[in-house]
Amino acid sequence: MPSKNKTPNIGLNQWLGNEYKKRTDFVEDNKIIDYEIGKIKEQFNNIKTTAKEIPIEDATNVFTATNVEDALVENKTSISTLEKKTDTTNEDVTNLTTKVNAGQNHKLTSDDGVCIDYVGN
């Protein structure tokens, strides 16, 4: 006969000393256990395990990607682009420094084109 007391999570029998157990009670408990393990197994099998499968939401609208893998590719591309711009800027600064140190004249202008000063001889 099934017990009056049941386990809190999946309702298995918890017999008291004055209750009698039957084989069918164990069979029913086994069915419950098997069903619950089946649900867990299905959930486990549906876990996303690759960066391509894991969705992202970009609240700041920085990425066009909708998954982690594509967002990483976008990030890498952005970093590469910035590195190239930095390299170009560093070359410009180096060239200007070389010319100034060589004593060549250079006209410094403001953003609106007004002559600010001359550098060099």
PDB file of N, CA and C in Angstrom:
ATOM      1  N   MET A   1       0.849  -1.163   0.000  1.00  0.00           N
ATOM      2  CA  MET A   1       0.000   0.000   0.000  1.00  0.00           C
ATOM      3  C   MET A   1       0.901   1.234   0.000  1.00  0.00           C
ATOM      4  N   PRO A   2       0.583   2.244  -0.815  1.00  0.00           N
ATOM      5  CA  PRO A   2       1.416   3.440  -0.858  1.00  0.00           C
ATOM      6  C   PRO A   2       1.442   4.124   0.512  1.00  0.00           C
ATOM      7  N   SER A   3       2.551   4.797   0.775  1.00  0.00           N
ATOM      8  CA  SER A   3       2.680   5.475   2.071  1.00  0.00           C
ATOM      9  C   SER A   3       1.910   6.782   2.061  1.00  0.00           C
ATOM     10  N   LYS A   4       1.583   7.247   3.260  1.00  0.00           N
ATOM     11  CA  LYS A   4       0.942   8.555   3.381  1.00  0.00           C
ATOM     12  C   LYS A   4       1.980   9.655   3.171  1.00  0.00           C
ATOM     13  N   ASN A   5       3.190   9.434   3.648  1.00  0.00           N
ATOM     14  CA  ASN A   5       4.273  10.404   3.500  1.00  0.00           C
ATOM     15  C   ASN A   5       4.966  10.194   2.154  1.00  0.00           C
ATOM     16  N   LYS A   6       5.281  11.294   1.487  1.00  0.00           N
ATOM     17  CA  LYS A   6       5.956  11.257   0.194  1.00  0.00           C
ATOM     18  C   LYS A   6       7.178  12.179   0.226  1.00  0.00           C
ATOM     19  N   THR A   7       8.157  11.855  -0.607  1.00  0.00           N
ATOM     20  CA  THR A   7       9.325  12.736  -0.710  1.00  0.00           C
ATOM     21  C   THR A   7       8.883  14.057  -1.337  1.00  0.00           C
ATOM     22  N   PRO A   8       9.525  15.176  -0.975  1.00  0.00           N
ATOM     23  CA  PRO A   8       9.051  16.493  -1.410  1.00  0.00           C
ATOM     24  C   PRO A   8       9.245  16.783  -2.903  1.00  0.00           C
ATOM     25  N   ASN A   9      10.271  16.245  -3.528  1.00  0.00           N
ATOM     26  CA  ASN A   9      10.556  16.624  -4.910  1.00  0.00           C
ATOM     27  C   ASN A   9       9.780  15.824  -5.943  1.00  0.00           C
ATOM     28  N   ILE A  10       9.761  14.501  -5.818  1.00  0.00           N
ATOM     29  CA  ILE A  10       9.093  13.720  -6.862  1.00  0.00           C
ATOM     30  C   ILE A  10       8.041  12.755  -6.314  1.00  0.00           C
ATOM     31  N   GLY A  11       7.755  12.848  -5.034  1.00  0.00           N
ATOM     32  CA  GLY A  11       6.637  12.103  -4.472  1.00  0.00           C
ATOM     33  C   GLY A  11       6.836  10.610  -4.312  1.00  0.00           C
ATOM     34  N   LEU A  12       8.033  10.197  -3.976  1.00  0.00           N
ATOM     35  CA  LEU A  12       8.260   8.769  -3.729  1.00  0.00           C
ATOM     36  C   LEU A  12       7.723   8.391  -2.355  1.00  0.00           C
ATOM     37  N   ASN A  13       7.441   7.128  -2.191  1.00  0.00           N
ATOM     38  CA  ASN A  13       6.921   6.630  -0.919  1.00  0.00           C
ATOM     39  C   ASN A  13       7.947   6.771   0.199  1.00  0.00           C
ATOM     40  N   GLN A  14       7.453   7.165   1.384  1.00  0.00           N
ATOM     41  CA  GLN A  14       8.247   7.195   2.616  1.00  0.00           C
ATOM     42  C   GLN A  14       7.389   6.533   3.696  1.00  0.00           C
ATOM     43  N   TRP A  15       7.565   5.236   3.799  1.00  0.00           N
ATOM     44  CA  TRP A  15       6.700   4.494   4.714  1.00  0.00           C
ATOM     45  C   TRP A  15       7.063   4.746   6.169  1.00  0.00           C
ATOM     46  N   LEU A  16       6.077   4.781   6.995  1.00  0.00           N
ATOM     47  CA  LEU A  16       6.270   4.828   8.435  1.00  0.00           C
ATOM     48  C   LEU A  16       6.324   3.383   8.946  1.00  0.00           C
ATOM     49  N   GLY A  17       6.712   3.203  10.168  1.00  0.00           N
ATOM     50  CA  GLY A  17       6.853   1.860  10.730  1.00  0.00           C
ATOM     51  C   GLY A  17       5.569   1.044  10.746  1.00  0.00           C
ATOM     52  N   ASN A  18       4.442   1.709  10.781  1.00  0.00           N
ATOM     53  CA  ASN A  18       3.176   0.981  10.859  1.00  0.00           C
ATOM     54  C   ASN A  18       2.518   0.767   9.481  1.00  0.00           C
ATOM     55  N   GLU A  19       3.214   1.127   8.380  1.00  0.00           N
ATOM     56  CA  GLU A  19       2.669   0.968   7.037  1.00  0.00           C
ATOM     57  C   GLU A  19       3.315  -0.252   6.361  1.00  0.00           C
ATOM     58  N   TYR A  20       2.544  -0.892   5.514  1.00  0.00           N
ATOM     59  CA  TYR A  20       3.039  -2.095   4.839  1.00  0.00           C
ATOM     60  C   TYR A  20       3.393  -1.765   3.390  1.00  0.00           C
ATOM     61  N   LYS A  21       4.516  -2.317   2.959  1.00  0.00           N
ATOM     62  CA  LYS A  21       5.004  -2.067   1.604  1.00  0.00           C
ATOM     63  C   LYS A  21       4.538  -3.173   0.676  1.00  0.00           C
ATOM     64  N   LYS A  22       4.246  -2.771  -0.584  1.00  0.00           N
ATOM     65  CA  LYS A  22       3.896  -3.749  -1.600  1.00  0.00           C
ATOM     66  C   LYS A  22       4.845  -3.575  -2.780  1.00  0.00           C
ATOM     67  N   ARG A  23       5.032  -4.655  -3.507  1.00  0.00           N
ATOM     68  CA  ARG A  23       5.904  -4.602  -4.686  1.00  0.00           C
ATOM     69  C   ARG A  23       5.409  -3.539  -5.663  1.00  0.00           C
ATOM     70  N   THR A  24       4.134  -3.385  -5.835  1.00  0.00           N
ATOM     71  CA  THR A  24       3.584  -2.405  -6.778  1.00  0.00           C
ATOM     72  C   THR A  24       3.949  -0.968  -6.390  1.00  0.00           C
ATOM     73  N   ASP A  25       4.117  -0.733  -5.085  1.00  0.00           N
ATOM     74  CA  ASP A  25       4.549   0.602  -4.640  1.00  0.00           C
ATOM     75  C   ASP A  25       5.955   0.906  -5.153  1.00  0.00           C
ATOM     76  N   PHE A  26       6.834  -0.092  -5.085  1.00  0.00           N
ATOM     77  CA  PHE A  26       8.195   0.082  -5.590  1.00  0.00           C
ATOM     78  C   PHE A  26       8.192   0.263  -7.110  1.00  0.00           C
ATOM     79  N   VAL A  27       7.348  -0.496  -7.786  1.00  0.00           N
ATOM     80  CA  VAL A  27       7.241  -0.365  -9.243  1.00  0.00           C
ATOM     81  C   VAL A  27       6.797   1.059  -9.605  1.00  0.00           C
ATOM     82  N   GLU A  28       5.812   1.575  -8.897  1.00  0.00           N
ATOM     83  CA  GLU A  28       5.340   2.946  -9.159  1.00  0.00           C
ATOM     84  C   GLU A  28       6.435   3.969  -8.869  1.00  0.00           C
ATOM     85  N   ASP A  29       7.172   3.776  -7.772  1.00  0.00           N
ATOM     86  CA  ASP A  29       8.291   4.673  -7.465  1.00  0.00           C
ATOM     87  C   ASP A  29       9.342   4.624  -8.579  1.00  0.00           C
ATOM     88  N   ASN A  30       9.632   3.429  -9.089  1.00  0.00           N
ATOM     89  CA  ASN A  30      10.606   3.297 -10.170  1.00  0.00           C
ATOM     90  C   ASN A  30      10.134   4.026 -11.434  1.00  0.00           C
ATOM     91  N   LYS A  31       8.843   3.971 -11.713  1.00  0.00           N
ATOM     92  CA  LYS A  31       8.297   4.685 -12.864  1.00  0.00           C
ATOM     93  C   LYS A  31       8.481   6.194 -12.700  1.00  0.00           C
ATOM     94  N   ILE A  32       8.235   6.672 -11.485  1.00  0.00           N
ATOM     95  CA  ILE A  32       8.411   8.102 -11.207  1.00  0.00           C
ATOM     96  C   ILE A  32       9.870   8.494 -11.403  1.00  0.00           C
ATOM     97  N   ILE A  33      10.777   7.710 -10.845  1.00  0.00           N
ATOM     98  CA  ILE A  33      12.214   7.993 -10.970  1.00  0.00           C
ATOM     99  C   ILE A  33      12.626   7.995 -12.438  1.00  0.00           C
ATOM    100  N   ASP A  34      12.185   6.984 -13.193  1.00  0.00           N
ATOM    101  CA  ASP A  34      12.548   6.885 -14.598  1.00  0.00           C
ATOM    102  C   ASP A  34      12.011   8.083 -15.388  1.00  0.00           C
ATOM    103  N   TYR A  35      10.789   8.490 -15.119  1.00  0.00           N
ATOM    104  CA  TYR A  35      10.190   9.634 -15.802  1.00  0.00           C
ATOM    105  C   TYR A  35      10.990  10.913 -15.521  1.00  0.00           C
ATOM    106  N   GLU A  36      11.307  11.142 -14.258  1.00  0.00           N
ATOM    107  CA  GLU A  36      12.043  12.348 -13.878  1.00  0.00           C
ATOM    108  C   GLU A  36      13.447  12.349 -14.469  1.00  0.00           C
ATOM    109  N   ILE A  37      14.118  11.210 -14.494  1.00  0.00           N
ATOM    110  CA  ILE A  37      15.451  11.124 -15.112  1.00  0.00           C
ATOM    111  C   ILE A  37      15.339  11.387 -16.610  1.00  0.00           C
ATOM    112  N   GLY A  38      14.281  10.902 -17.239  1.00  0.00           N
ATOM    113  CA  GLY A  38      14.053  11.167 -18.662  1.00  0.00           C
ATOM    114  C   GLY A  38      13.923  12.656 -18.950  1.00  0.00           C
ATOM    115  N   LYS A  39      13.217  13.391 -18.081  1.00  0.00           N
ATOM    116  CA  LYS A  39      13.077  14.840 -18.260  1.00  0.00           C
ATOM    117  C   LYS A  39      14.429  15.532 -18.129  1.00  0.00           C
ATOM    118  N   ILE A  40      15.209  15.127 -17.136  1.00  0.00           N
ATOM    119  CA  ILE A  40      16.538  15.720 -16.931  1.00  0.00           C
ATOM    120  C   ILE A  40      17.443  15.406 -18.117  1.00  0.00           C
ATOM    121  N   LYS A  41      17.382  14.177 -18.598  1.00  0.00           N
ATOM    122  CA  LYS A  41      18.198  13.760 -19.749  1.00  0.00           C
ATOM    123  C   LYS A  41      17.854  14.613 -20.973  1.00  0.00           C
ATOM    124  N   GLU A  42      16.575  14.848 -21.205  1.00  0.00           N
ATOM    125  CA  GLU A  42      16.155  15.660 -22.348  1.00  0.00           C
ATOM    126  C   GLU A  42      16.663  17.097 -22.204  1.00  0.00           C
ATOM    127  N   GLN A  43      16.548  17.649 -21.005  1.00  0.00           N
ATOM    128  CA  GLN A  43      17.056  19.002 -20.761  1.00  0.00           C
ATOM    129  C   GLN A  43      18.560  19.054 -20.987  1.00  0.00           C
ATOM    130  N   PHE A  44      19.267  18.051 -20.516  1.00  0.00           N
ATOM    131  CA  PHE A  44      20.719  17.996 -20.674  1.00  0.00           C
ATOM    132  C   PHE A  44      21.094  17.936 -22.150  1.00  0.00           C
ATOM    133  N   ASN A  45      20.373  17.117 -22.920  1.00  0.00           N
ATOM    134  CA  ASN A  45      20.674  16.973 -24.339  1.00  0.00           C
ATOM    135  C   ASN A  45      20.372  18.242 -25.133  1.00  0.00           C
ATOM    136  N   ASN A  46      19.545  19.112 -24.590  1.00  0.00           N
ATOM    137  CA  ASN A  46      19.206  20.353 -25.279  1.00  0.00           C
ATOM    138  C   ASN A  46      20.078  21.537 -24.865  1.00  0.00           C
ATOM    139  N   ILE A  47      21.086  21.299 -24.031  1.00  0.00           N
ATOM    140  CA  ILE A  47      21.986  22.375 -23.607  1.00  0.00           C
ATOM    141  C   ILE A  47      22.832  22.799 -24.807  1.00  0.00           C
ATOM    142  N   LYS A  48      22.918  24.105 -25.015  1.00  0.00           N
ATOM    143  CA  LYS A  48      23.741  24.651 -26.096  1.00  0.00           C
ATOM    144  C   LYS A  48      25.209  24.531 -25.691  1.00  0.00           C
ATOM    145  N   THR A  49      26.020  23.948 -26.590  1.00  0.00           N
ATOM    146  CA  THR A  49      27.401  23.662 -26.207  1.00  0.00           C
ATOM    147  C   THR A  49      28.440  24.334 -27.096  1.00  0.00           C
ATOM    148  N   THR A  50      28.028  25.015 -28.172  1.00  0.00           N
ATOM    149  CA  THR A  50      29.011  25.706 -29.009  1.00  0.00           C
ATOM    150  C   THR A  50      28.689  27.194 -29.027  1.00  0.00           C
ATOM    151  N   ALA A  51      29.691  27.996 -29.311  1.00  0.00           N
ATOM    152  CA  ALA A  51      29.505  29.447 -29.349  1.00  0.00           C
ATOM    153  C   ALA A  51      28.492  29.849 -30.421  1.00  0.00           C
ATOM    154  N   LYS A  52      28.402  29.069 -31.477  1.00  0.00           N
ATOM    155  CA  LYS A  52      27.441  29.351 -32.555  1.00  0.00           C
ATOM    156  C   LYS A  52      25.999  29.140 -32.068  1.00  0.00           C
ATOM    157  N   GLU A  53      25.812  28.222 -31.127  1.00  0.00           N
ATOM    158  CA  GLU A  53      24.471  27.899 -30.622  1.00  0.00           C
ATOM    159  C   GLU A  53      23.999  28.824 -29.503  1.00  0.00           C
ATOM    160  N   ILE A  54      24.925  29.554 -28.893  1.00  0.00           N
ATOM    161  CA  ILE A  54      24.563  30.379 -27.733  1.00  0.00           C
ATOM    162  C   ILE A  54      24.154  31.772 -28.221  1.00  0.00           C
ATOM    163  N   PRO A  55      22.884  32.116 -28.066  1.00  0.00           N
ATOM    164  CA  PRO A  55      22.416  33.426 -28.538  1.00  0.00           C
ATOM    165  C   PRO A  55      22.881  34.545 -27.621  1.00  0.00           C
ATOM    166  N   ILE A  56      22.996  35.736 -28.187  1.00  0.00           N
ATOM    167  CA  ILE A  56      23.302  36.913 -27.379  1.00  0.00           C
ATOM    168  C   ILE A  56      22.280  37.994 -27.694  1.00  0.00           C
ATOM    169  N   GLU A  57      22.070  38.854 -26.728  1.00  0.00           N
ATOM    170  CA  GLU A  57      21.274  40.054 -26.936  1.00  0.00           C
ATOM    171  C   GLU A  57      22.191  41.228 -26.676  1.00  0.00           C
ATOM    172  N   ASP A  58      22.250  42.134 -27.622  1.00  0.00           N
ATOM    173  CA  ASP A  58      23.119  43.296 -27.498  1.00  0.00           C
ATOM    174  C   ASP A  58      22.276  44.527 -27.193  1.00  0.00           C
ATOM    175  N   ALA A  59      22.159  44.847 -25.928  1.00  0.00           N
ATOM    176  CA  ALA A  59      21.323  45.968 -25.497  1.00  0.00           C
ATOM    177  C   ALA A  59      21.870  47.304 -25.987  1.00  0.00           C
ATOM    178  N   THR A  60      23.170  47.368 -26.289  1.00  0.00           N
ATOM    179  CA  THR A  60      23.788  48.623 -26.727  1.00  0.00           C
ATOM    180  C   THR A  60      23.866  48.733 -28.249  1.00  0.00           C
ATOM    181  N   ASN A  61      23.411  47.701 -28.955  1.00  0.00           N
ATOM    182  CA  ASN A  61      23.420  47.686 -30.425  1.00  0.00           C
ATOM    183  C   ASN A  61      24.813  47.880 -31.020  1.00  0.00           C
ATOM    184  N   VAL A  62      25.818  47.324 -30.378  1.00  0.00           N
ATOM    185  CA  VAL A  62      27.184  47.390 -30.889  1.00  0.00           C
ATOM    186  C   VAL A  62      27.406  46.296 -31.925  1.00  0.00           C
ATOM    187  N   PHE A  63      26.826  45.132 -31.706  1.00  0.00           N
ATOM    188  CA  PHE A  63      27.016  43.995 -32.602  1.00  0.00           C
ATOM    189  C   PHE A  63      25.809  43.805 -33.510  1.00  0.00           C
ATOM    190  N   THR A  64      26.080  43.260 -34.681  1.00  0.00           N
ATOM    191  CA  THR A  64      24.982  42.793 -35.532  1.00  0.00           C
ATOM    192  C   THR A  64      24.804  41.291 -35.334  1.00  0.00           C
ATOM    193  N   ALA A  65      25.777  40.662 -34.690  1.00  0.00           N
ATOM    194  CA  ALA A  65      25.745  39.217 -34.451  1.00  0.00           C
ATOM    195  C   ALA A  65      24.604  38.844 -33.514  1.00  0.00           C
ATOM    196  N   THR A  66      24.127  37.619 -33.690  1.00  0.00           N
ATOM    197  CA  THR A  66      23.062  37.131 -32.817  1.00  0.00           C
ATOM    198  C   THR A  66      23.520  35.944 -31.976  1.00  0.00           C
ATOM    199  N   ASN A  67      24.811  35.553 -32.124  1.00  0.00           N
ATOM    200  CA  ASN A  67      25.352  34.463 -31.309  1.00  0.00           C
ATOM    201  C   ASN A  67      26.776  34.813 -30.904  1.00  0.00           C
ATOM    202  N   VAL A  68      27.296  34.083 -29.939  1.00  0.00           N
ATOM    203  CA  VAL A  68      28.606  34.392 -29.357  1.00  0.00           C
ATOM    204  C   VAL A  68      29.729  34.282 -30.397  1.00  0.00           C
ATOM    205  N   GLU A  69      29.706  33.237 -31.214  1.00  0.00           N
ATOM    206  CA  GLU A  69      30.787  33.053 -32.198  1.00  0.00           C
ATOM    207  C   GLU A  69      30.870  34.229 -33.163  1.00  0.00           C
ATOM    208  N   ASP A  70      29.748  34.649 -33.712  1.00  0.00           N
ATOM    209  CA  ASP A  70      29.759  35.759 -34.661  1.00  0.00           C
ATOM    210  C   ASP A  70      30.154  37.071 -33.983  1.00  0.00           C
ATOM    211  N   ALA A  71      29.772  37.235 -32.718  1.00  0.00           N
ATOM    212  CA  ALA A  71      30.166  38.443 -31.977  1.00  0.00           C
ATOM    213  C   ALA A  71      31.679  38.474 -31.782  1.00  0.00           C
ATOM    214  N   LEU A  72      32.274  37.318 -31.517  1.00  0.00           N
ATOM    215  CA  LEU A  72      33.737  37.260 -31.374  1.00  0.00           C
ATOM    216  C   LEU A  72      34.426  37.620 -32.685  1.00  0.00           C
ATOM    217  N   VAL A  73      33.884  37.152 -33.795  1.00  0.00           N
ATOM    218  CA  VAL A  73      34.451  37.484 -35.109  1.00  0.00           C
ATOM    219  C   VAL A  73      34.346  38.989 -35.352  1.00  0.00           C
ATOM    220  N   GLU A  74      33.194  39.570 -35.026  1.00  0.00           N
ATOM    221  CA  GLU A  74      33.033  41.017 -35.174  1.00  0.00           C
ATOM    222  C   GLU A  74      34.041  41.775 -34.320  1.00  0.00           C
ATOM    223  N   ASN A  75      34.229  41.323 -33.094  1.00  0.00           N
ATOM    224  CA  ASN A  75      35.193  41.956 -32.188  1.00  0.00           C
ATOM    225  C   ASN A  75      36.600  41.895 -32.771  1.00  0.00           C
ATOM    226  N   LYS A  76      36.972  40.725 -33.273  1.00  0.00           N
ATOM    227  CA  LYS A  76      38.311  40.546 -33.853  1.00  0.00           C
ATOM    228  C   LYS A  76      38.505  41.484 -35.045  1.00  0.00           C
ATOM    229  N   THR A  77      37.482  41.604 -35.883  1.00  0.00           N
ATOM    230  CA  THR A  77      37.563  42.488 -37.042  1.00  0.00           C
ATOM    231  C   THR A  77      37.726  43.938 -36.600  1.00  0.00           C
ATOM    232  N   SER A  78      36.963  44.339 -35.591  1.00  0.00           N
ATOM    233  CA  SER A  78      37.065  45.711 -35.083  1.00  0.00           C
ATOM    234  C   SER A  78      38.455  45.997 -34.526  1.00  0.00           C
ATOM    235  N   ILE A  79      39.002  45.046 -33.797  1.00  0.00           N
ATOM    236  CA  ILE A  79      40.337  45.218 -33.220  1.00  0.00           C
ATOM    237  C   ILE A  79      41.380  45.311 -34.324  1.00  0.00           C
ATOM    238  N   SER A  80      41.275  44.464 -35.342  1.00  0.00           N
ATOM    239  CA  SER A  80      42.225  44.502 -36.464  1.00  0.00           C
ATOM    240  C   SER A  80      42.169  45.845 -37.181  1.00  0.00           C
ATOM    241  N   THR A  81      40.966  46.351 -37.383  1.00  0.00           N
ATOM    242  CA  THR A  81      40.796  47.650 -38.039  1.00  0.00           C
ATOM    243  C   THR A  81      41.441  48.754 -37.213  1.00  0.00           C
ATOM    244  N   LEU A  82      41.219  48.727 -35.905  1.00  0.00           N
ATOM    245  CA  LEU A  82      41.827  49.740 -35.029  1.00  0.00           C
ATOM    246  C   LEU A  82      43.343  49.630 -35.020  1.00  0.00           C
ATOM    247  N   GLU A  83      43.859  48.404 -35.060  1.00  0.00           N
ATOM    248  CA  GLU A  83      45.314  48.223 -35.094  1.00  0.00           C
ATOM    249  C   GLU A  83      45.896  48.834 -36.358  1.00  0.00           C
ATOM    250  N   LYS A  84      45.239  48.647 -37.492  1.00  0.00           N
ATOM    251  CA  LYS A  84      45.715  49.218 -38.758  1.00  0.00           C
ATOM    252  C   LYS A  84      45.697  50.737 -38.698  1.00  0.00           C
ATOM    253  N   LYS A  85      44.618  51.316 -38.143  1.00  0.00           N
ATOM    254  CA  LYS A  85      44.533  52.769 -38.016  1.00  0.00           C
ATOM    255  C   LYS A  85      45.632  53.293 -37.099  1.00  0.00           C
ATOM    256  N   THR A  86      45.899  52.571 -36.016  1.00  0.00           N
ATOM    257  CA  THR A  86      46.946  52.966 -35.081  1.00  0.00           C
ATOM    258  C   THR A  86      48.308  52.908 -35.757  1.00  0.00           C
ATOM    259  N   ASP A  87      48.546  51.853 -36.538  1.00  0.00           N
ATOM    260  CA  ASP A  87      49.818  51.737 -37.261  1.00  0.00           C
ATOM    261  C   ASP A  87      50.001  52.906 -38.212  1.00  0.00           C
ATOM    262  N   THR A  88      48.958  53.278 -38.944  1.00  0.00           N
ATOM    263  CA  THR A  88      49.027  54.400 -39.886  1.00  0.00           C
ATOM    264  C   THR A  88      49.296  55.699 -39.141  1.00  0.00           C
ATOM    265  N   THR A  89      48.622  55.918 -38.030  1.00  0.00           N
ATOM    266  CA  THR A  89      48.827  57.126 -37.234  1.00  0.00           C
ATOM    267  C   THR A  89      50.251  57.168 -36.693  1.00  0.00           C
ATOM    268  N   ASN A  90      50.755  56.049 -36.216  1.00  0.00           N
ATOM    269  CA  ASN A  90      52.134  55.992 -35.709  1.00  0.00           C
ATOM    270  C   ASN A  90      53.137  56.309 -36.808  1.00  0.00           C
ATOM    271  N   GLU A  91      52.880  55.805 -38.032  1.00  0.00           N
ATOM    272  CA  GLU A  91      53.777  56.117 -39.156  1.00  0.00           C
ATOM    273  C   GLU A  91      53.753  57.605 -39.456  1.00  0.00           C
ATOM    274  N   ASP A  92      52.560  58.227 -39.453  1.00  0.00           N
ATOM    275  CA  ASP A  92      52.444  59.662 -39.704  1.00  0.00           C
ATOM    276  C   ASP A  92      53.214  60.465 -38.660  1.00  0.00           C
ATOM    277  N   VAL A  93      53.078  60.096 -37.403  1.00  0.00           N
ATOM    278  CA  VAL A  93      53.781  60.801 -36.323  1.00  0.00           C
ATOM    279  C   VAL A  93      55.292  60.620 -36.479  1.00  0.00           C
ATOM    280  N   THR A  94      55.725  59.413 -36.797  1.00  0.00           N
ATOM    281  CA  THR A  94      57.147  59.147 -36.975  1.00  0.00           C
ATOM    282  C   THR A  94      57.708  59.965 -38.142  1.00  0.00           C
ATOM    283  N   ASN A  95      56.991  60.001 -39.250  1.00  0.00           N
ATOM    284  CA  ASN A  95      57.441  60.781 -40.411  1.00  0.00           C
ATOM    285  C   ASN A  95      57.523  62.256 -40.097  1.00  0.00           C
ATOM    286  N   LEU A  96      56.521  62.789 -39.407  1.00  0.00           N
ATOM    287  CA  LEU A  96      56.529  64.195 -39.034  1.00  0.00           C
ATOM    288  C   LEU A  96      57.682  64.500 -38.085  1.00  0.00           C
ATOM    289  N   THR A  97      57.892  63.625 -37.125  1.00  0.00           N
ATOM    290  CA  THR A  97      58.998  63.816 -36.180  1.00  0.00           C
ATOM    291  C   THR A  97      60.333  63.820 -36.911  1.00  0.00           C
ATOM    292  N   THR A  98      60.500  62.922 -37.852  1.00  0.00           N
ATOM    293  CA  THR A  98      61.739  62.850 -38.632  1.00  0.00           C
ATOM    294  C   THR A  98      61.960  64.139 -39.409  1.00  0.00           C
ATOM    295  N   LYS A  99      60.921  64.659 -40.041  1.00  0.00           N
ATOM    296  CA  LYS A  99      61.042  65.900 -40.822  1.00  0.00           C
ATOM    297  C   LYS A  99      61.356  67.087 -39.916  1.00  0.00           C
ATOM    298  N   VAL A 100      60.685  67.162 -38.772  1.00  0.00           N
ATOM    299  CA  VAL A 100      60.932  68.263 -37.843  1.00  0.00           C
ATOM    300  C   VAL A 100      62.367  68.202 -37.336  1.00  0.00           C
ATOM    301  N   ASN A 101      62.809  66.994 -36.981  1.00  0.00           N
ATOM    302  CA  ASN A 101      64.184  66.841 -36.482  1.00  0.00           C
ATOM    303  C   ASN A 101      65.213  67.140 -37.562  1.00  0.00           C
ATOM    304  N   ALA A 102      64.831  66.951 -38.832  1.00  0.00           N
ATOM    305  CA  ALA A 102      65.734  67.237 -39.942  1.00  0.00           C
ATOM    306  C   ALA A 102      65.747  68.721 -40.265  1.00  0.00           C
ATOM    307  N   GLY A 103      64.907  69.502 -39.606  1.00  0.00           N
ATOM    308  CA  GLY A 103      64.892  70.945 -39.790  1.00  0.00           C
ATOM    309  C   GLY A 103      64.051  71.410 -40.961  1.00  0.00           C
ATOM    310  N   GLN A 104      63.198  70.591 -41.477  1.00  0.00           N
ATOM    311  CA  GLN A 104      62.344  71.006 -42.586  1.00  0.00           C
ATOM    312  C   GLN A 104      61.218  71.888 -42.056  1.00  0.00           C
ATOM    313  N   ASN A 105      60.821  72.863 -42.874  1.00  0.00           N
ATOM    314  CA  ASN A 105      59.732  73.757 -42.490  1.00  0.00           C
ATOM    315  C   ASN A 105      58.385  73.046 -42.631  1.00  0.00           C
ATOM    316  N   HIS A 106      57.551  73.250 -41.651  1.00  0.00           N
ATOM    317  CA  HIS A 106      56.198  72.735 -41.699  1.00  0.00           C
ATOM    318  C   HIS A 106      55.261  73.776 -41.145  1.00  0.00           C
ATOM    319  N   LYS A 107      54.223  73.984 -41.868  1.00  0.00           N
ATOM    320  CA  LYS A 107      53.212  74.943 -41.454  1.00  0.00           C
ATOM    321  C   LYS A 107      52.175  74.202 -40.611  1.00  0.00           C
ATOM    322  N   LEU A 108      51.942  74.679 -39.397  1.00  0.00           N
ATOM    323  CA  LEU A 108      50.921  74.095 -38.541  1.00  0.00           C
ATOM    324  C   LEU A 108      49.656  74.908 -38.690  1.00  0.00           C
ATOM    325  N   THR A 109      48.556  74.205 -38.953  1.00  0.00           N
ATOM    326  CA  THR A 109      47.282  74.894 -39.103  1.00  0.00           C
ATOM    327  C   THR A 109      46.254  74.309 -38.150  1.00  0.00           C
ATOM    328  N   SER A 110      45.274  75.124 -37.834  1.00  0.00           N
ATOM    329  CA  SER A 110      44.161  74.648 -37.005  1.00  0.00           C
ATOM    330  C   SER A 110      43.211  73.855 -37.889  1.00  0.00           C
ATOM    331  N   ASP A 111      42.197  73.285 -37.300  1.00  0.00           N
ATOM    332  CA  ASP A 111      41.224  72.494 -38.055  1.00  0.00           C
ATOM    333  C   ASP A 111      40.520  73.312 -39.134  1.00  0.00           C
ATOM    334  N   ASP A 112      40.398  74.631 -38.904  1.00  0.00           N
ATOM    335  CA  ASP A 112      39.713  75.460 -39.906  1.00  0.00           C
ATOM    336  C   ASP A 112      40.677  76.024 -40.950  1.00  0.00           C
ATOM    337  N   GLY A 113      41.942  75.571 -40.926  1.00  0.00           N
ATOM    338  CA  GLY A 113      42.905  75.956 -41.956  1.00  0.00           C
ATOM    339  C   GLY A 113      43.708  77.201 -41.655  1.00  0.00           C
ATOM    340  N   VAL A 114      43.520  77.820 -40.497  1.00  0.00           N
ATOM    341  CA  VAL A 114      44.249  79.032 -40.144  1.00  0.00           C
ATOM    342  C   VAL A 114      45.661  78.661 -39.705  1.00  0.00           C
ATOM    343  N   CYS A 115      46.679  79.400 -40.225  1.00  0.00           N
ATOM    344  CA  CYS A 115      48.084  79.136 -39.884  1.00  0.00           C
ATOM    345  C   CYS A 115      48.306  79.467 -38.406  1.00  0.00           C
ATOM    346  N   ILE A 116      48.867  78.495 -37.684  1.00  0.00           N
ATOM    347  CA  ILE A 116      49.128  78.706 -36.262  1.00  0.00           C
ATOM    348  C   ILE A 116      50.597  79.041 -36.053  1.00  0.00           C
ATOM    349  N   ASP A 117      51.489  78.285 -36.687  1.00  0.00           N
ATOM    350  CA  ASP A 117      52.912  78.478 -36.455  1.00  0.00           C
ATOM    351  C   ASP A 117      53.679  77.730 -37.530  1.00  0.00           C
ATOM    352  N   TYR A 118      54.971  78.038 -37.627  1.00  0.00           N
ATOM    353  CA  TYR A 118      55.859  77.291 -38.503  1.00  0.00           C
ATOM    354  C   TYR A 118      56.812  76.488 -37.646  1.00  0.00           C
ATOM    355  N   VAL A 119      57.130  75.298 -38.085  1.00  0.00           N
ATOM    356  CA  VAL A 119      58.061  74.449 -37.369  1.00  0.00           C
ATOM    357  C   VAL A 119      59.266  74.231 -38.273  1.00  0.00           C
ATOM    358  N   GLY A 120      60.440  74.333 -37.734  1.00  0.00           N
ATOM    359  CA  GLY A 120      61.659  74.093 -38.514  1.00  0.00           C
ATOM    360  C   GLY A 120      62.434  75.364 -38.708  1.00  0.00           C
ATOM    361  N   ASN A 121      63.291  75.397 -39.738  1.00  0.00           N
ATOM    362  CA  ASN A 121      64.166  76.559 -40.011  1.00  0.00           C
ATOM    363  C   ASN A 121      63.383  77.769 -40.461  1.00  0.00           C
TER     364      ASN A 121
END
